[in-house]
Protein backbone atom coordinates (compact mmCIF):
# COMPACT_ATOMS: atom_id res chain seq x y z
CA MET A 1 55.78 89.25 31.49
CA LYS A 2 55.29 86.26 32.78
CA HIS A 3 59.19 85.92 32.83
CA LEU A 4 60.13 89.25 33.97
CA LEU A 5 57.46 89.12 36.81
CA THR A 6 59.74 85.77 37.68
CA PHE A 7 62.53 88.12 37.89
CA LEU A 8 61.44 90.73 39.21
CA ILE A 9 60.54 88.91 42.39
CA ILE A 10 63.46 86.97 42.57
CA THR A 11 65.42 90.27 42.27
CA ILE A 12 64.24 91.54 44.56
CA ILE A 13 63.93 88.21 47.60
CA GLY A 14 67.78 88.41 46.73
CA PHE A 15 68.13 91.91 47.96
CA THR A 16 66.06 91.81 50.87
CA SER A 17 68.13 88.14 51.98
CA CYS A 18 71.77 90.11 51.60
CA GLU A 19 71.05 93.15 54.20
CA GLY A 20 73.86 92.50 56.15
CA ARG A 21 73.38 90.82 58.74
CA LYS A 22 75.17 89.45 61.19
CA THR A 23 75.71 85.81 62.15
CA GLN A 24 74.92 84.75 65.40
CA SER A 25 79.07 83.84 65.88
CA GLN A 26 79.66 87.24 64.40
CA ALA A 27 77.52 89.20 66.90
CA LEU A 28 78.50 87.10 69.77
CA SER A 29 82.21 87.60 69.33
CA GLU A 30 81.50 91.80 69.07
CA SER A 31 79.13 91.38 72.42
CA ILE A 32 82.56 89.78 74.10
CA ALA A 33 84.78 92.03 72.99
CA GLU A 34 82.42 95.26 73.98
CA PHE A 35 81.71 93.75 77.40
CA LYS A 36 85.23 93.32 77.84
CA LYS A 37 85.90 97.32 77.06
CA THR A 38 83.40 98.03 79.91
CA VAL A 39 83.66 95.76 82.57
CA ASN A 40 87.05 95.70 85.04
CA PHE A 41 87.18 93.31 87.18
CA GLU A 42 90.05 93.61 89.81
CA THR A 43 91.55 90.88 92.63
CA ASN A 44 94.27 92.11 95.21
CA VAL A 45 96.05 90.41 96.98
CA TYR A 46 98.30 91.67 100.04
CA ILE A 47 101.80 90.47 100.99
CA PRO A 48 101.69 90.00 104.15
CA GLU A 49 98.01 89.57 104.67
CA THR A 50 97.78 90.48 108.27
CA TYR A 51 99.61 92.94 110.10
CA LEU A 52 103.33 90.79 111.24
CA GLU A 53 105.25 91.42 113.83
CA GLN A 54 108.56 90.27 114.86
CA GLU A 55 111.37 90.43 117.79
CA ILE A 56 114.87 88.99 117.68
CA ASP A 57 116.91 89.72 121.50
CA THR A 58 120.15 88.39 120.59
CA LEU A 59 123.43 88.89 123.00
CA MET A 60 126.56 88.86 121.29
CA SER A 61 129.68 87.30 122.30
CA ASN A 62 131.80 90.88 122.50
CA GLY A 63 129.25 91.76 124.92
CA PHE A 64 126.55 94.11 122.85
CA ARG A 65 122.99 93.13 123.25
CA VAL A 66 121.03 93.94 120.14
CA LYS A 67 116.73 94.16 119.35
CA ILE A 68 115.90 94.72 116.30
CA LYS A 69 111.97 94.61 116.03
CA THR A 70 110.13 94.33 112.29
CA TYR A 71 106.75 95.07 111.89
CA SER A 72 104.80 95.05 108.85
CA ASP A 73 103.44 99.22 107.89
CA MET A 74 99.34 98.31 107.27
CA SER A 75 99.29 101.67 105.19
CA ASN A 76 102.15 101.46 103.07
CA ALA A 77 102.85 99.39 100.46
CA VAL A 78 103.84 98.74 97.19
CA ARG A 79 101.32 97.67 94.38
CA PHE A 80 102.07 95.96 90.87
CA SER A 81 99.41 94.86 88.53
CA LYS A 82 99.34 92.47 85.64
CA ILE A 83 95.90 92.66 83.08
CA LYS A 84 94.86 88.57 82.21
CA ASP A 85 91.30 87.96 80.90
CA THR A 86 90.11 91.29 81.69
CA ILE A 87 90.79 90.87 85.03
CA ASN A 88 93.19 93.29 87.24
CA HIS A 89 95.70 91.22 89.11
CA GLN A 90 96.83 93.58 91.57
CA THR A 91 99.88 92.09 94.58
CA HIS A 92 100.34 95.02 97.07
CA TYR A 93 103.86 94.08 98.87
CA ARG A 94 103.86 95.81 102.36
CA ASN A 95 106.60 97.73 103.46
CA PHE A 96 108.25 97.12 107.00
CA LYS A 97 109.03 99.53 109.82
CA PHE A 98 112.15 98.15 111.97
CA ASP A 99 113.49 99.73 115.29
CA VAL A 100 116.74 98.86 116.55
CA SER A 101 118.43 98.91 120.00
CA VAL A 102 121.80 98.34 121.37
CA THR A 103 123.38 97.95 124.81
CA LYS A 104 126.31 98.07 126.19
CA ASP A 105 126.85 96.87 129.60
CA ASN A 106 124.01 97.42 129.87
CA LYS A 107 123.45 101.03 128.78
CA LEU A 108 121.81 101.97 126.14
CA ILE A 109 124.12 103.06 123.52
CA TYR A 110 121.95 103.23 120.33
CA ASN A 111 117.73 103.48 119.46
CA GLU A 112 116.89 104.10 115.40
CA SER A 113 113.49 103.59 114.24
CA PHE A 114 113.29 103.23 110.45
CA ASP A 115 110.53 103.73 108.07
CA LYS A 116 110.23 103.95 104.20
CA LYS A 117 110.99 107.81 104.31
CA LYS A 118 114.01 107.26 106.94
CA VAL A 119 115.74 104.24 104.95
CA ASN A 120 115.12 106.33 101.47
CA LYS A 121 117.35 109.14 102.92
CA ASP A 122 119.78 107.05 104.93
CA PHE A 123 120.48 104.04 102.51
CA ASN A 124 120.22 106.87 99.21
CA TYR A 125 117.24 105.67 97.56
CA ASN A 126 115.90 108.36 95.25
CA ALA A 127 114.18 109.49 92.83
CA ASN A 128 116.92 111.33 91.33
CA LEU A 129 118.60 108.09 89.89
CA VAL A 130 119.05 107.57 86.28
CA ALA A 131 117.36 104.67 84.66
CA GLY A 132 119.36 101.77 84.54
CA SER A 133 121.19 102.58 87.33
CA ASP A 134 121.85 100.12 90.72
CA LEU A 135 119.21 101.44 92.97
CA TYR A 136 116.79 103.05 90.27
CA ASN A 137 113.42 102.88 91.60
CA PHE A 138 114.66 101.50 95.12
CA ASP A 139 112.80 104.67 96.54
CA THR A 140 109.44 103.76 95.63
CA LEU A 141 109.44 99.99 94.66
CA ALA A 142 112.22 98.20 97.29
CA VAL A 143 110.54 96.47 100.37
CA LEU A 144 112.91 95.12 103.41
CA LYS A 145 113.51 91.29 102.72
CA SER A 146 115.70 90.53 105.13
CA ILE A 147 117.60 92.10 108.66
CA GLN A 148 119.95 89.97 111.01
CA VAL A 149 122.91 90.62 113.31
CA ASN A 150 125.79 89.46 111.96
CA ASP A 151 128.11 88.40 114.46
CA ASP A 152 131.51 88.35 112.50
CA PRO A 153 134.20 88.31 114.82
CA THR A 154 136.73 90.55 113.80
CA TYR A 155 134.89 93.72 114.48
CA ILE A 156 135.15 93.41 118.64
CA ASN A 157 133.72 96.73 119.50
CA MET A 158 131.21 97.05 116.43
CA VAL A 159 128.00 95.69 116.55
CA LEU A 160 126.94 94.96 112.56
CA ILE A 161 123.25 94.79 111.53
CA ASP A 162 122.59 93.44 107.76
CA ILE A 163 120.03 94.88 106.22
CA MET A 164 118.41 93.74 102.44
CA HIS A 165 116.14 95.76 100.60
CA ALA A 166 114.66 93.65 96.87
CA ILE A 167 112.40 95.00 94.75
CA PRO A 168 109.20 92.37 94.37
CA GLU A 169 108.92 90.28 90.85
CA SER A 170 112.33 91.09 90.14
CA ASP A 171 115.65 90.02 90.66
CA LYS A 172 117.26 93.06 92.02
CA TYR A 173 117.85 93.97 95.71
CA ALA A 174 120.76 95.63 97.64
CA LEU A 175 122.55 94.65 101.24
CA HIS A 176 123.75 97.34 103.36
CA THR A 177 125.60 96.90 106.73
CA LEU A 178 124.49 98.89 109.53
CA PHE A 179 127.95 99.47 111.76
CA ILE A 180 127.23 100.89 115.29
CA ASN A 181 130.67 101.33 117.49
CA LYS A 182 130.47 101.40 121.33
CA ASN A 183 130.00 104.59 121.74
CA GLY A 184 126.75 104.09 119.78
CA LYS A 185 128.15 106.24 116.11
CA SER A 186 126.71 104.49 113.30
CA ASN A 187 127.78 104.12 109.60
CA ILE A 188 125.58 102.81 106.90
CA VAL A 189 128.06 101.04 104.06
CA GLN A 190 126.46 99.52 100.77
CA VAL A 191 127.52 96.11 100.69
CA GLU A 192 126.00 94.52 97.19
CA VAL A 193 123.39 95.52 94.79
CA LYS A 194 121.95 93.59 91.97
């Protein structure tokens, strides 16, 4: 009977010690996993960070005077997100508006303002393009990368302005040239897309 009582006590101790409790390491791992599911951290970076404006005034050798004003559109940006270690890193690339005015012999012959909506229309950036086409997603993701006067001496009676849009965080870009003749008529031509 003594052996039976001892066996019974050992069995009870054995069953109570094997109740399936988690180790401290398991509990910590599960707690961290649960925390990651419920807590979201976000960082927001804006490029450019503050309002930016630049004005260029060029007197060309063929008698045209070109003024280009670019300025950041503080209410229109393209957002890219990357999640790393439960932190959502968001980068907002601001779109730019630009104004182009051209005078010839002190007479204003061209004066246009461009915002994202007008650029999409005039440069054929639209949502109907199929995935993989040259200008796919340029209507929503492309921002102004550069704009400059092209002083090509072969165009005597014209102004050429090179305008490049690019999709941030990628190598995709589109280069267009805005042609403005001496009568103020304009035409936009796609030069290169990558």
